[in-house]
Amino acid sequence: MNRLSMFWLKTVMLPHQVSTLPQQRATAQTNIMRKFFFLAFFPLIIWADAHIFVYHRFGDSEHISTNTSLKVLRDEFDFLNNNGYKVIPLQRLYKALQDGEPIDKKWIVLTIDDSYKSFYENALGIFKEYGFAFTLFVYVEASDRGYRDFMNWDQIREAGKYGEIGLHGYAHHHMVSLDTDAIKKDTEKAAASYKKELGSDPKYYAYPYGEYNRKVRRAIETFGFDLILNQNSGAVDGQSDRHDLDRTALTGDNTIEHKLRIRTLPTTWIEPKNWPKDGKLKTIHATIPPNIKNLEYFVSGYGWHRINAKNGEVKELLNLPLKLGRTRIFLKTGSRQSSIILVKE
């Protein structure tokens, strides 16, 4: 029985006895009405979509592609406050996914990758000012070796007083290019340094560069992280995979308002599984909810195209030479979307 079924059973479907005493009978009737109300709105609650966003640099105009200006950061935070959104710790989202609790569509999780010094010097104070939780994913080698552009361990410990700290690998490798043993060695080294400096084992892992495939995922899963996060644009609902959570990047002038419109499209990707050996994408094959008939698909370098689903199955035969070493494939209907990344080894 899955987590949502357990939640349903405990919250709604447990049998109750109705006493013949008038007061107890009235109480029971009230409880029945409450459960009826819950049943009516249960799908809206359980299948709501939270959002995880990822930042990199702050107030650093020398690196435009990964930078968020401090004005844009404040504008985004003001938008969240003014529109009823609630920034929650990553731990809170983990608990909801683990226990099968309802996911609130107003939940926001903020993450920062790479532990650049610009976060500590320019943005940490703004996060504190707004009282917003965050998770900082540490590029461990940079802190161990004192790289100039990155936070040192004292600064990371200081940031940890106001947010959570996660792991972003040791050497920030392109993990897909490594064999399984090398992936594990990098992660072991990162986790050991993390524990030495912070006194605990890391609970969360974010893939360097957002790059992964099945080999990388399986290797990282052996470490028992509570959550593993990618960098595929998307959202999170009650059925989301705790070891493959979508995060949407916020950089430059990309508006958070637009990104908040994204919803989850429940999808099981069948093909492609990995980067094709001959460099050609042969098939897009996935299962989706059976009520969805019309979608669009996207392949990096080829744009959007219409596709039809039949009985909850999407299958498109192609023969596309992949143009980019990092290729993203999307399925989308309305605001709902799902995506995968293919990375050349």
C-alpha atoms as a PDB file:
ATOM      1  CA  MET A   1       0.000   0.000   0.000  1.00  0.00           C
ATOM      2  CA  ASN A   2       1.451   3.367  -0.998  1.00  0.00           C
ATOM      3  CA  ARG A   3       1.766   6.441   1.231  1.00  0.00           C
ATOM      4  CA  LEU A   4      -1.330   8.173  -0.144  1.00  0.00           C
ATOM      5  CA  SER A   5      -3.416   5.062   0.397  1.00  0.00           C
ATOM      6  CA  MET A   6      -2.249   4.876   4.008  1.00  0.00           C
ATOM      7  CA  PHE A   7      -3.081   8.544   4.509  1.00  0.00           C
ATOM      8  CA  TRP A   8      -6.530   8.006   2.984  1.00  0.00           C
ATOM      9  CA  LEU A   9      -7.142   4.981   5.189  1.00  0.00           C
ATOM     10  CA  LYS A  10      -6.087   6.673   8.416  1.00  0.00           C
ATOM     11  CA  THR A  11      -7.782   9.985   7.728  1.00  0.00           C
ATOM     12  CA  VAL A  12     -10.990   9.109   5.947  1.00  0.00           C
ATOM     13  CA  MET A  13     -11.856   5.449   5.694  1.00  0.00           C
ATOM     14  CA  LEU A  14     -11.391   4.154   9.239  1.00  0.00           C
ATOM     15  CA  PRO A  15     -14.784   2.844  10.368  1.00  0.00           C
ATOM     16  CA  HIS A  16     -16.534   4.561  13.230  1.00  0.00           C
ATOM     17  CA  GLN A  17     -19.432   3.488  15.411  1.00  0.00           C
ATOM     18  CA  VAL A  18     -22.506   5.667  15.901  1.00  0.00           C
ATOM     19  CA  SER A  19     -23.887   5.595  19.422  1.00  0.00           C
ATOM     20  CA  THR A  20     -27.601   5.615  20.135  1.00  0.00           C
ATOM     21  CA  LEU A  21     -27.116   8.405  22.666  1.00  0.00           C
ATOM     22  CA  PRO A  22     -28.338  11.708  21.142  1.00  0.00           C
ATOM     23  CA  GLN A  23     -25.217  13.742  21.979  1.00  0.00           C
ATOM     24  CA  GLN A  24     -22.842  11.076  20.704  1.00  0.00           C
ATOM     25  CA  ARG A  25     -25.028  10.542  17.633  1.00  0.00           C
ATOM     26  CA  ALA A  26     -24.873  14.267  16.847  1.00  0.00           C
ATOM     27  CA  THR A  27     -21.110  14.250  17.256  1.00  0.00           C
ATOM     28  CA  ALA A  28     -20.840  11.285  14.926  1.00  0.00           C
ATOM     29  CA  GLN A  29     -23.009  13.045  12.340  1.00  0.00           C
ATOM     30  CA  THR A  30     -20.758  16.094  12.555  1.00  0.00           C
ATOM     31  CA  ASN A  31     -17.718  13.890  12.002  1.00  0.00           C
ATOM     32  CA  ILE A  32     -19.383  12.326   8.978  1.00  0.00           C
ATOM     33  CA  MET A  33     -20.009  15.773   7.503  1.00  0.00           C
ATOM     34  CA  ARG A  34     -16.393  16.733   8.101  1.00  0.00           C
ATOM     35  CA  LYS A  35     -15.229  13.594   6.329  1.00  0.00           C
ATOM     36  CA  PHE A  36     -17.640  14.254   3.464  1.00  0.00           C
ATOM     37  CA  PHE A  37     -16.152  17.741   3.089  1.00  0.00           C
ATOM     38  CA  PHE A  38     -12.656  16.235   3.152  1.00  0.00           C
ATOM     39  CA  LEU A  39     -13.613  13.686   0.502  1.00  0.00           C
ATOM     40  CA  ALA A  40     -14.950  16.409  -1.750  1.00  0.00           C
ATOM     41  CA  PHE A  41     -11.714  18.346  -1.682  1.00  0.00           C
ATOM     42  CA  PHE A  42      -9.241  15.485  -1.170  1.00  0.00           C
ATOM     43  CA  PRO A  43      -8.044  15.382  -4.805  1.00  0.00           C
ATOM     44  CA  LEU A  44      -7.454  19.140  -4.818  1.00  0.00           C
ATOM     45  CA  ILE A  45      -5.279  18.851  -1.716  1.00  0.00           C
ATOM     46  CA  ILE A  46      -3.327  15.679  -2.428  1.00  0.00           C
ATOM     47  CA  TRP A  47      -2.566  16.503  -6.049  1.00  0.00           C
ATOM     48  CA  ALA A  48      -1.644  20.111  -5.491  1.00  0.00           C
ATOM     49  CA  ASP A  49       1.802  21.155  -6.637  1.00  0.00           C
ATOM     50  CA  ALA A  50       4.599  22.629  -4.546  1.00  0.00           C
ATOM     51  CA  HIS A  51       7.638  24.192  -6.194  1.00  0.00           C
ATOM     52  CA  ILE A  52      11.363  23.835  -5.544  1.00  0.00           C
ATOM     53  CA  PHE A  53      13.545  26.593  -6.965  1.00  0.00           C
ATOM     54  CA  VAL A  54      17.315  26.688  -7.312  1.00  0.00           C
ATOM     55  CA  TYR A  55      19.589  29.731  -7.258  1.00  0.00           C
ATOM     56  CA  HIS A  56      23.343  29.919  -7.820  1.00  0.00           C
ATOM     57  CA  ARG A  57      24.999  33.360  -7.605  1.00  0.00           C
ATOM     58  CA  PHE A  58      23.662  36.611  -6.171  1.00  0.00           C
ATOM     59  CA  GLY A  59      24.598  40.178  -7.047  1.00  0.00           C
ATOM     60  CA  ASP A  60      27.473  38.938  -9.214  1.00  0.00           C
ATOM     61  CA  SER A  61      27.299  40.688 -12.580  1.00  0.00           C
ATOM     62  CA  GLU A  62      30.432  38.929 -13.860  1.00  0.00           C
ATOM     63  CA  HIS A  63      28.500  35.655 -14.209  1.00  0.00           C
ATOM     64  CA  ILE A  64      25.233  36.671 -15.827  1.00  0.00           C
ATOM     65  CA  SER A  65      24.014  33.187 -16.795  1.00  0.00           C
ATOM     66  CA  THR A  66      23.875  31.964 -13.183  1.00  0.00           C
ATOM     67  CA  ASN A  67      23.368  35.263 -11.370  1.00  0.00           C
ATOM     68  CA  THR A  68      20.307  36.723  -9.660  1.00  0.00           C
ATOM     69  CA  SER A  69      20.467  40.439  -8.967  1.00  0.00           C
ATOM     70  CA  LEU A  70      19.568  41.541  -5.455  1.00  0.00           C
ATOM     71  CA  LYS A  71      16.701  43.649  -6.817  1.00  0.00           C
ATOM     72  CA  VAL A  72      15.240  40.651  -8.632  1.00  0.00           C
ATOM     73  CA  LEU A  73      15.684  38.542  -5.488  1.00  0.00           C
ATOM     74  CA  ARG A  74      13.743  41.061  -3.394  1.00  0.00           C
ATOM     75  CA  ASP A  75      11.077  41.349  -6.089  1.00  0.00           C
ATOM     76  CA  GLU A  76      10.654  37.563  -6.086  1.00  0.00           C
ATOM     77  CA  PHE A  77      10.470  37.416  -2.295  1.00  0.00           C
ATOM     78  CA  ASP A  78       7.927  40.250  -2.248  1.00  0.00           C
ATOM     79  CA  PHE A  79       5.840  38.413  -4.844  1.00  0.00           C
ATOM     80  CA  LEU A  80       5.810  35.277  -2.689  1.00  0.00           C
ATOM     81  CA  ASN A  81       4.813  37.240   0.415  1.00  0.00           C
ATOM     82  CA  ASN A  82       2.145  39.284  -1.358  1.00  0.00           C
ATOM     83  CA  ASN A  83       0.489  36.279  -2.981  1.00  0.00           C
ATOM     84  CA  GLY A  84       0.117  33.952  -0.023  1.00  0.00           C
ATOM     85  CA  TYR A  85       3.009  31.595  -0.700  1.00  0.00           C
ATOM     86  CA  LYS A  86       4.748  29.876   2.196  1.00  0.00           C
ATOM     87  CA  VAL A  87       8.480  29.202   2.036  1.00  0.00           C
ATOM     88  CA  ILE A  88       9.091  25.951   3.912  1.00  0.00           C
ATOM     89  CA  PRO A  89      12.237  23.990   4.829  1.00  0.00           C
ATOM     90  CA  LEU A  90      13.123  21.073   2.587  1.00  0.00           C
ATOM     91  CA  GLN A  91      12.702  18.865   5.657  1.00  0.00           C
ATOM     92  CA  ARG A  92       8.998  19.818   5.798  1.00  0.00           C
ATOM     93  CA  LEU A  93       8.475  18.723   2.215  1.00  0.00           C
ATOM     94  CA  TYR A  94      10.331  15.479   2.902  1.00  0.00           C
ATOM     95  CA  LYS A  95       8.047  14.718   5.848  1.00  0.00           C
ATOM     96  CA  ALA A  96       4.936  15.296   3.749  1.00  0.00           C
ATOM     97  CA  LEU A  97       6.192  13.018   0.977  1.00  0.00           C
ATOM     98  CA  GLN A  98       7.339  10.370   3.442  1.00  0.00           C
ATOM     99  CA  ASP A  99       4.097  10.336   5.444  1.00  0.00           C
ATOM    100  CA  GLY A 100       1.680  10.811   2.555  1.00  0.00           C
ATOM    101  CA  GLU A 101       0.501  14.168   3.876  1.00  0.00           C
ATOM    102  CA  PRO A 102      -1.259  16.673   1.637  1.00  0.00           C
ATOM    103  CA  ILE A 103       0.991  18.892  -0.460  1.00  0.00           C
ATOM    104  CA  ASP A 104       0.019  22.559  -0.305  1.00  0.00           C
ATOM    105  CA  LYS A 105       0.017  24.325  -3.672  1.00  0.00           C
ATOM    106  CA  LYS A 106       1.394  27.422  -1.937  1.00  0.00           C
ATOM    107  CA  TRP A 107       4.499  25.661  -0.606  1.00  0.00           C
ATOM    108  CA  ILE A 108       7.843  26.920  -1.882  1.00  0.00           C
ATOM    109  CA  VAL A 109      11.273  25.396  -1.222  1.00  0.00           C
ATOM    110  CA  LEU A 110      14.333  27.538  -1.986  1.00  0.00           C
ATOM    111  CA  THR A 111      17.701  25.921  -2.689  1.00  0.00           C
ATOM    112  CA  ILE A 112      21.133  27.315  -3.533  1.00  0.00           C
ATOM    113  CA  ASP A 113      23.718  25.270  -5.437  1.00  0.00           C
ATOM    114  CA  ASP A 114      27.524  25.416  -5.322  1.00  0.00           C
ATOM    115  CA  SER A 115      27.954  27.467  -2.101  1.00  0.00           C
ATOM    116  CA  TYR A 116      29.297  30.507  -3.918  1.00  0.00           C
ATOM    117  CA  LYS A 117      30.592  33.243  -1.637  1.00  0.00           C
ATOM    118  CA  SER A 118      28.100  35.678  -3.185  1.00  0.00           C
ATOM    119  CA  PHE A 119      25.315  33.879  -1.320  1.00  0.00           C
ATOM    120  CA  TYR A 120      26.990  34.467   2.026  1.00  0.00           C
ATOM    121  CA  GLU A 121      28.069  38.045   1.281  1.00  0.00           C
ATOM    122  CA  ASN A 122      25.071  39.338  -0.674  1.00  0.00           C
ATOM    123  CA  ALA A 123      21.988  37.174  -0.190  1.00  0.00           C
ATOM    124  CA  LEU A 124      22.061  35.485   3.215  1.00  0.00           C
ATOM    125  CA  GLY A 125      21.064  38.741   4.901  1.00  0.00           C
ATOM    126  CA  ILE A 126      18.049  39.061   2.592  1.00  0.00           C
ATOM    127  CA  PHE A 127      16.934  35.499   3.337  1.00  0.00           C
ATOM    128  CA  LYS A 128      17.222  36.298   7.048  1.00  0.00           C
ATOM    129  CA  GLU A 129      15.350  39.592   6.618  1.00  0.00           C
ATOM    130  CA  TYR A 130      12.394  37.823   4.996  1.00  0.00           C
ATOM    131  CA  GLY A 131      12.621  34.836   7.332  1.00  0.00           C
ATOM    132  CA  PHE A 132      12.815  32.455   4.375  1.00  0.00           C
ATOM    133  CA  ALA A 133      14.144  28.931   4.845  1.00  0.00           C
ATOM    134  CA  PHE A 134      16.687  27.564   2.385  1.00  0.00           C
ATOM    135  CA  THR A 135      18.895  24.569   1.644  1.00  0.00           C
ATOM    136  CA  LEU A 136      22.488  25.252   0.599  1.00  0.00           C
ATOM    137  CA  PHE A 137      24.093  22.482  -1.480  1.00  0.00           C
ATOM    138  CA  VAL A 138      27.841  22.521  -0.877  1.00  0.00           C
ATOM    139  CA  TYR A 139      30.556  21.964  -3.476  1.00  0.00           C
ATOM    140  CA  VAL A 140      32.792  20.315  -0.894  1.00  0.00           C
ATOM    141  CA  GLU A 141      36.200  20.405  -2.576  1.00  0.00           C
ATOM    142  CA  ALA A 142      35.921  24.176  -3.050  1.00  0.00           C
ATOM    143  CA  SER A 143      35.424  24.652   0.692  1.00  0.00           C
ATOM    144  CA  ASP A 144      38.062  22.089   1.684  1.00  0.00           C
ATOM    145  CA  ARG A 145      40.690  23.758  -0.506  1.00  0.00           C
ATOM    146  CA  GLY A 146      39.647  27.350   0.113  1.00  0.00           C
ATOM    147  CA  TYR A 147      38.778  28.294  -3.459  1.00  0.00           C
ATOM    148  CA  ARG A 148      38.437  32.074  -3.610  1.00  0.00           C
ATOM    149  CA  ASP A 149      34.922  32.277  -5.072  1.00  0.00           C
ATOM    150  CA  PHE A 150      33.333  29.839  -2.617  1.00  0.00           C
ATOM    151  CA  MET A 151      32.231  29.804   1.012  1.00  0.00           C
ATOM    152  CA  ASN A 152      34.581  28.387   3.624  1.00  0.00           C
ATOM    153  CA  TRP A 153      33.368  25.987   6.295  1.00  0.00           C
ATOM    154  CA  ASP A 154      32.984  28.716   8.929  1.00  0.00           C
ATOM    155  CA  GLN A 155      30.658  30.581   6.589  1.00  0.00           C
ATOM    156  CA  ILE A 156      28.757  27.383   5.814  1.00  0.00           C
ATOM    157  CA  ARG A 157      28.302  26.714   9.528  1.00  0.00           C
ATOM    158  CA  GLU A 158      27.030  30.272   9.975  1.00  0.00           C
ATOM    159  CA  ALA A 159      24.552  29.824   7.116  1.00  0.00           C
ATOM    160  CA  GLY A 160      23.468  26.531   8.674  1.00  0.00           C
ATOM    161  CA  LYS A 161      22.042  28.446  11.634  1.00  0.00           C
ATOM    162  CA  TYR A 162      19.335  29.799   9.343  1.00  0.00           C
ATOM    163  CA  GLY A 163      18.847  27.002   6.824  1.00  0.00           C
ATOM    164  CA  GLU A 164      19.689  23.428   5.934  1.00  0.00           C
ATOM    165  CA  ILE A 165      22.873  22.164   4.300  1.00  0.00           C
ATOM    166  CA  GLY A 166      22.973  19.501   1.593  1.00  0.00           C
ATOM    167  CA  LEU A 167      25.609  17.750  -0.509  1.00  0.00           C
ATOM    168  CA  HIS A 168      26.580  18.702  -4.065  1.00  0.00           C
ATOM    169  CA  GLY A 169      29.368  16.190  -4.580  1.00  0.00           C
ATOM    170  CA  TYR A 170      33.046  16.538  -3.778  1.00  0.00           C
ATOM    171  CA  ALA A 171      34.824  17.566  -6.985  1.00  0.00           C
ATOM    172  CA  HIS A 172      31.707  18.749  -8.865  1.00  0.00           C
ATOM    173  CA  HIS A 173      32.302  16.214 -11.623  1.00  0.00           C
ATOM    174  CA  HIS A 174      30.139  15.588 -14.643  1.00  0.00           C
ATOM    175  CA  MET A 175      28.935  12.437 -12.909  1.00  0.00           C
ATOM    176  CA  VAL A 176      27.619  10.740 -16.046  1.00  0.00           C
ATOM    177  CA  SER A 177      31.200  10.505 -17.343  1.00  0.00           C
ATOM    178  CA  LEU A 178      32.347   8.523 -14.278  1.00  0.00           C
ATOM    179  CA  ASP A 179      31.998   4.813 -13.633  1.00  0.00           C
ATOM    180  CA  THR A 180      29.999   3.617 -10.636  1.00  0.00           C
ATOM    181  CA  ASP A 181      33.038   3.165  -8.415  1.00  0.00           C
ATOM    182  CA  ALA A 182      34.255   6.708  -9.082  1.00  0.00           C
ATOM    183  CA  ILE A 183      30.786   8.142  -8.401  1.00  0.00           C
ATOM    184  CA  LYS A 184      30.691   6.388  -5.045  1.00  0.00           C
ATOM    185  CA  LYS A 185      34.225   7.463  -4.124  1.00  0.00           C
ATOM    186  CA  ASP A 186      33.421  11.100  -4.876  1.00  0.00           C
ATOM    187  CA  THR A 187      30.270  10.914  -2.761  1.00  0.00           C
ATOM    188  CA  GLU A 188      32.007   9.092   0.100  1.00  0.00           C
ATOM    189  CA  LYS A 189      34.720  11.753   0.191  1.00  0.00           C
ATOM    190  CA  ALA A 190      32.144  14.540   0.163  1.00  0.00           C
ATOM    191  CA  ALA A 191      30.041  12.938   2.907  1.00  0.00           C
ATOM    192  CA  ALA A 192      33.102  12.323   5.113  1.00  0.00           C
ATOM    193  CA  SER A 193      34.220  15.951   4.875  1.00  0.00           C
ATOM    194  CA  TYR A 194      30.651  17.136   5.495  1.00  0.00           C
ATOM    195  CA  LYS A 195      30.405  15.057   8.662  1.00  0.00           C
ATOM    196  CA  LYS A 196      33.827  16.181   9.881  1.00  0.00           C
ATOM    197  CA  GLU A 197      32.945  19.861   9.454  1.00  0.00           C
ATOM    198  CA  LEU A 198      29.251  19.860  10.368  1.00  0.00           C
ATOM    199  CA  GLY A 199      29.009  16.925  12.762  1.00  0.00           C
ATOM    200  CA  SER A 200      26.222  15.025  11.012  1.00  0.00           C
ATOM    201  CA  ASP A 201      25.517  12.983   7.911  1.00  0.00           C
ATOM    202  CA  PRO A 202      24.023  14.801   4.904  1.00  0.00           C
ATOM    203  CA  LYS A 203      20.329  14.149   4.264  1.00  0.00           C
ATOM    204  CA  TYR A 204      20.013  15.685   0.816  1.00  0.00           C
ATOM    205  CA  TYR A 205      21.940  15.423  -2.445  1.00  0.00           C
ATOM    206  CA  ALA A 206      21.731  17.573  -5.583  1.00  0.00           C
ATOM    207  CA  TYR A 207      23.412  16.377  -8.787  1.00  0.00           C
ATOM    208  CA  PRO A 208      26.319  18.584  -9.968  1.00  0.00           C
ATOM    209  CA  TYR A 209      25.209  20.460 -13.098  1.00  0.00           C
ATOM    210  CA  GLY A 210      21.847  18.706 -12.712  1.00  0.00           C
ATOM    211  CA  GLU A 211      23.306  15.859 -14.792  1.00  0.00           C
ATOM    212  CA  TYR A 212      22.464  12.227 -14.129  1.00  0.00           C
ATOM    213  CA  ASN A 213      21.339   8.980 -15.685  1.00  0.00           C
ATOM    214  CA  ARG A 214      20.254   5.633 -14.281  1.00  0.00           C
ATOM    215  CA  LYS A 215      23.818   4.626 -13.441  1.00  0.00           C
ATOM    216  CA  VAL A 216      24.407   7.835 -11.466  1.00  0.00           C
ATOM    217  CA  ARG A 217      21.071   7.646  -9.695  1.00  0.00           C
ATOM    218  CA  ARG A 218      21.596   4.050  -8.590  1.00  0.00           C
ATOM    219  CA  ALA A 219      25.048   4.862  -7.228  1.00  0.00           C
ATOM    220  CA  ILE A 220      23.825   7.908  -5.283  1.00  0.00           C
ATOM    221  CA  GLU A 221      20.819   6.025  -3.904  1.00  0.00           C
ATOM    222  CA  THR A 222      23.122   3.581  -2.100  1.00  0.00           C
ATOM    223  CA  PHE A 223      24.021   6.361   0.366  1.00  0.00           C
ATOM    224  CA  GLY A 224      20.508   6.519   1.792  1.00  0.00           C
ATOM    225  CA  PHE A 225      19.799  10.219   1.268  1.00  0.00           C
ATOM    226  CA  ASP A 226      16.318  11.332   2.291  1.00  0.00           C
ATOM    227  CA  LEU A 227      15.939  13.349  -0.906  1.00  0.00           C
ATOM    228  CA  ILE A 228      17.820  13.522  -4.204  1.00  0.00           C
ATOM    229  CA  LEU A 229      17.205  16.571  -6.362  1.00  0.00           C
ATOM    230  CA  ASN A 230      17.672  17.135 -10.074  1.00  0.00           C
ATOM    231  CA  GLN A 231      17.479  20.371 -12.043  1.00  0.00           C
ATOM    232  CA  ASN A 232      14.647  19.508 -14.398  1.00  0.00           C
ATOM    233  CA  SER A 233      12.049  22.224 -14.680  1.00  0.00           C
ATOM    234  CA  GLY A 234       8.901  21.023 -12.942  1.00  0.00           C
ATOM    235  CA  ALA A 235       6.889  20.854  -9.739  1.00  0.00           C
ATOM    236  CA  VAL A 236       6.299  18.423  -6.860  1.00  0.00           C
ATOM    237  CA  ASP A 237       3.094  16.632  -5.900  1.00  0.00           C
ATOM    238  CA  GLY A 238       2.209  13.835  -3.493  1.00  0.00           C
ATOM    239  CA  GLN A 239       3.283  11.169  -5.973  1.00  0.00           C
ATOM    240  CA  SER A 240       6.698  12.674  -6.759  1.00  0.00           C
ATOM    241  CA  ASP A 241       9.729  10.413  -6.490  1.00  0.00           C
ATOM    242  CA  ARG A 242      11.774  11.398  -3.404  1.00  0.00           C
ATOM    243  CA  HIS A 243      14.936  10.387  -5.242  1.00  0.00           C
ATOM    244  CA  ASP A 244      14.171  12.415  -8.364  1.00  0.00           C
ATOM    245  CA  LEU A 245      12.651  15.729  -7.299  1.00  0.00           C
ATOM    246  CA  ASP A 246      12.330  18.436  -9.924  1.00  0.00           C
ATOM    247  CA  ARG A 247      13.797  21.878  -9.290  1.00  0.00           C
ATOM    248  CA  THR A 248      13.310  24.921 -11.477  1.00  0.00           C
ATOM    249  CA  ALA A 249      16.231  27.314 -11.934  1.00  0.00           C
ATOM    250  CA  LEU A 250      15.775  31.006 -11.169  1.00  0.00           C
ATOM    251  CA  THR A 251      18.439  33.090 -12.882  1.00  0.00           C
ATOM    252  CA  GLY A 252      18.702  36.477 -14.526  1.00  0.00           C
ATOM    253  CA  ASP A 253      15.346  38.154 -15.075  1.00  0.00           C
ATOM    254  CA  ASN A 254      13.342  34.925 -15.325  1.00  0.00           C
ATOM    255  CA  THR A 255      10.130  35.706 -13.509  1.00  0.00           C
ATOM    256  CA  ILE A 256       9.102  33.507 -10.628  1.00  0.00           C
ATOM    257  CA  GLU A 257       5.475  34.253 -11.470  1.00  0.00           C
ATOM    258  CA  HIS A 258       5.828  32.410 -14.772  1.00  0.00           C
ATOM    259  CA  LYS A 259       7.629  29.458 -13.165  1.00  0.00           C
ATOM    260  CA  LEU A 260       4.893  29.101 -10.538  1.00  0.00           C
ATOM    261  CA  ARG A 261       2.399  28.229 -13.271  1.00  0.00           C
ATOM    262  CA  ILE A 262       4.181  24.924 -13.895  1.00  0.00           C
ATOM    263  CA  ARG A 263       2.285  21.865 -12.668  1.00  0.00           C
ATOM    264  CA  THR A 264       3.234  18.210 -12.414  1.00  0.00           C
ATOM    265  CA  LEU A 265       2.361  15.825 -15.221  1.00  0.00           C
ATOM    266  CA  PRO A 266       2.485  12.332 -13.668  1.00  0.00           C
ATOM    267  CA  THR A 267       4.693  10.426 -16.086  1.00  0.00           C
ATOM    268  CA  THR A 268       6.538   7.138 -16.218  1.00  0.00           C
ATOM    269  CA  TRP A 269       9.307   7.450 -18.794  1.00  0.00           C
ATOM    270  CA  ILE A 270       9.990   4.189 -20.631  1.00  0.00           C
ATOM    271  CA  GLU A 271      12.217   5.402 -23.462  1.00  0.00           C
ATOM    272  CA  PRO A 272      14.776   6.842 -23.822  1.00  0.00           C
ATOM    273  CA  LYS A 273      16.587   5.424 -20.811  1.00  0.00           C
ATOM    274  CA  ASN A 274      20.058   6.838 -21.450  1.00  0.00           C
ATOM    275  CA  TRP A 275      22.024   8.659 -24.110  1.00  0.00           C
ATOM    276  CA  PRO A 276      21.710   6.534 -27.284  1.00  0.00           C
ATOM    277  CA  LYS A 277      24.937   4.845 -28.360  1.00  0.00           C
ATOM    278  CA  ASP A 278      24.575   6.045 -31.953  1.00  0.00           C
ATOM    279  CA  GLY A 279      23.570   9.552 -30.853  1.00  0.00           C
ATOM    280  CA  LYS A 280      20.082   9.256 -32.360  1.00  0.00           C
ATOM    281  CA  LEU A 281      16.826   9.534 -30.443  1.00  0.00           C
ATOM    282  CA  LYS A 282      14.702   6.671 -31.755  1.00  0.00           C
ATOM    283  CA  THR A 283      11.603   6.794 -29.563  1.00  0.00           C
ATOM    284  CA  ILE A 284       9.752   8.835 -26.983  1.00  0.00           C
ATOM    285  CA  HIS A 285       7.676   6.400 -24.945  1.00  0.00           C
ATOM    286  CA  ALA A 286       5.913   7.154 -21.660  1.00  0.00           C
ATOM    287  CA  THR A 287       2.756   6.503 -19.693  1.00  0.00           C
ATOM    288  CA  ILE A 288       0.558   9.327 -18.413  1.00  0.00           C
ATOM    289  CA  PRO A 289      -2.942   9.629 -16.872  1.00  0.00           C
ATOM    290  CA  PRO A 290      -5.424   7.983 -19.287  1.00  0.00           C
ATOM    291  CA  ASN A 291      -7.731  11.003 -19.443  1.00  0.00           C
ATOM    292  CA  ILE A 292      -5.068  13.034 -21.278  1.00  0.00           C
ATOM    293  CA  LYS A 293      -5.303  12.762 -25.054  1.00  0.00           C
ATOM    294  CA  ASN A 294      -3.419  15.685 -26.569  1.00  0.00           C
ATOM    295  CA  LEU A 295       0.081  16.815 -25.649  1.00  0.00           C
ATOM    296  CA  GLU A 296       3.211  18.424 -26.990  1.00  0.00           C
ATOM    297  CA  TYR A 297       6.747  17.095 -26.840  1.00  0.00           C
ATOM    298  CA  PHE A 298      10.027  18.995 -26.938  1.00  0.00           C
ATOM    299  CA  VAL A 299      13.542  17.858 -27.802  1.00  0.00           C
ATOM    300  CA  SER A 300      16.466  20.274 -27.419  1.00  0.00           C
ATOM    301  CA  GLY A 301      17.339  21.646 -30.841  1.00  0.00           C
ATOM    302  CA  TYR A 302      14.033  20.591 -32.426  1.00  0.00           C
ATOM    303  CA  GLY A 303      11.372  22.666 -30.684  1.00  0.00           C
ATOM    304  CA  TRP A 304       7.810  21.713 -29.757  1.00  0.00           C
ATOM    305  CA  HIS A 305       5.608  19.247 -31.659  1.00  0.00           C
ATOM    306  CA  ARG A 306       2.122  17.873 -31.118  1.00  0.00           C
ATOM    307  CA  ILE A 307       1.607  14.289 -30.054  1.00  0.00           C
ATOM    308  CA  ASN A 308      -1.444  12.174 -29.172  1.00  0.00           C
ATOM    309  CA  ALA A 309      -1.867   9.752 -26.299  1.00  0.00           C
ATOM    310  CA  LYS A 310      -3.963   6.596 -26.374  1.00  0.00           C
ATOM    311  CA  ASN A 311      -5.123   4.784 -23.245  1.00  0.00           C
ATOM    312  CA  GLY A 312      -2.549   6.575 -21.132  1.00  0.00           C
ATOM    313  CA  GLU A 313       0.361   5.820 -23.454  1.00  0.00           C
ATOM    314  CA  VAL A 314       2.521   8.186 -25.477  1.00  0.00           C
ATOM    315  CA  LYS A 315       4.738   6.717 -28.171  1.00  0.00           C
ATOM    316  CA  GLU A 316       6.445   8.608 -30.973  1.00  0.00           C
ATOM    317  CA  LEU A 317       8.892   6.941 -33.348  1.00  0.00           C
ATOM    318  CA  LEU A 318      11.734   9.260 -34.291  1.00  0.00           C
ATOM    319  CA  ASN A 319      15.224   9.155 -35.730  1.00  0.00           C
ATOM    320  CA  LEU A 320      16.671  12.438 -34.512  1.00  0.00           C
ATOM    321  CA  PRO A 321      20.427  13.025 -34.303  1.00  0.00           C
ATOM    322  CA  LEU A 322      20.868  14.691 -30.923  1.00  0.00           C
ATOM    323  CA  LYS A 323      22.410  18.127 -31.391  1.00  0.00           C
ATOM    324  CA  LEU A 324      23.443  18.907 -27.818  1.00  0.00           C
ATOM    325  CA  GLY A 325      25.483  16.956 -25.289  1.00  0.00           C
ATOM    326  CA  ARG A 326      22.832  17.878 -22.723  1.00  0.00           C
ATOM    327  CA  THR A 327      19.452  17.220 -24.297  1.00  0.00           C
ATOM    328  CA  ARG A 328      16.173  17.856 -22.526  1.00  0.00           C
ATOM    329  CA  ILE A 329      12.946  16.115 -23.480  1.00  0.00           C
ATOM    330  CA  PHE A 330       9.594  17.457 -22.300  1.00  0.00           C
ATOM    331  CA  LEU A 331       6.015  16.259 -22.380  1.00  0.00           C
ATOM    332  CA  LYS A 332       3.462  18.999 -21.776  1.00  0.00           C
ATOM    333  CA  THR A 333      -0.269  19.540 -21.705  1.00  0.00           C
ATOM    334  CA  GLY A 334      -1.451  22.964 -20.650  1.00  0.00           C
ATOM    335  CA  SER A 335       0.589  23.994 -17.608  1.00  0.00           C
ATOM    336  CA  ARG A 336       1.430  20.400 -16.678  1.00  0.00           C
ATOM    337  CA  GLN A 337       4.791  19.054 -17.741  1.00  0.00           C
ATOM    338  CA  SER A 338       7.367  16.344 -17.174  1.00  0.00           C
ATOM    339  CA  SER A 339      10.933  16.233 -18.413  1.00  0.00           C
ATOM    340  CA  ILE A 340      14.094  14.151 -18.500  1.00  0.00           C
ATOM    341  CA  ILE A 341      17.688  14.979 -19.356  1.00  0.00           C
ATOM    342  CA  LEU A 342      20.010  12.948 -21.563  1.00  0.00           C
ATOM    343  CA  VAL A 343      23.733  13.565 -21.069  1.00  0.00           C
ATOM    344  CA  LYS A 344      26.412  12.317 -23.415  1.00  0.00           C
ATOM    345  CA  GLU A 345      28.959  10.163 -21.604  1.00  0.00           C
END
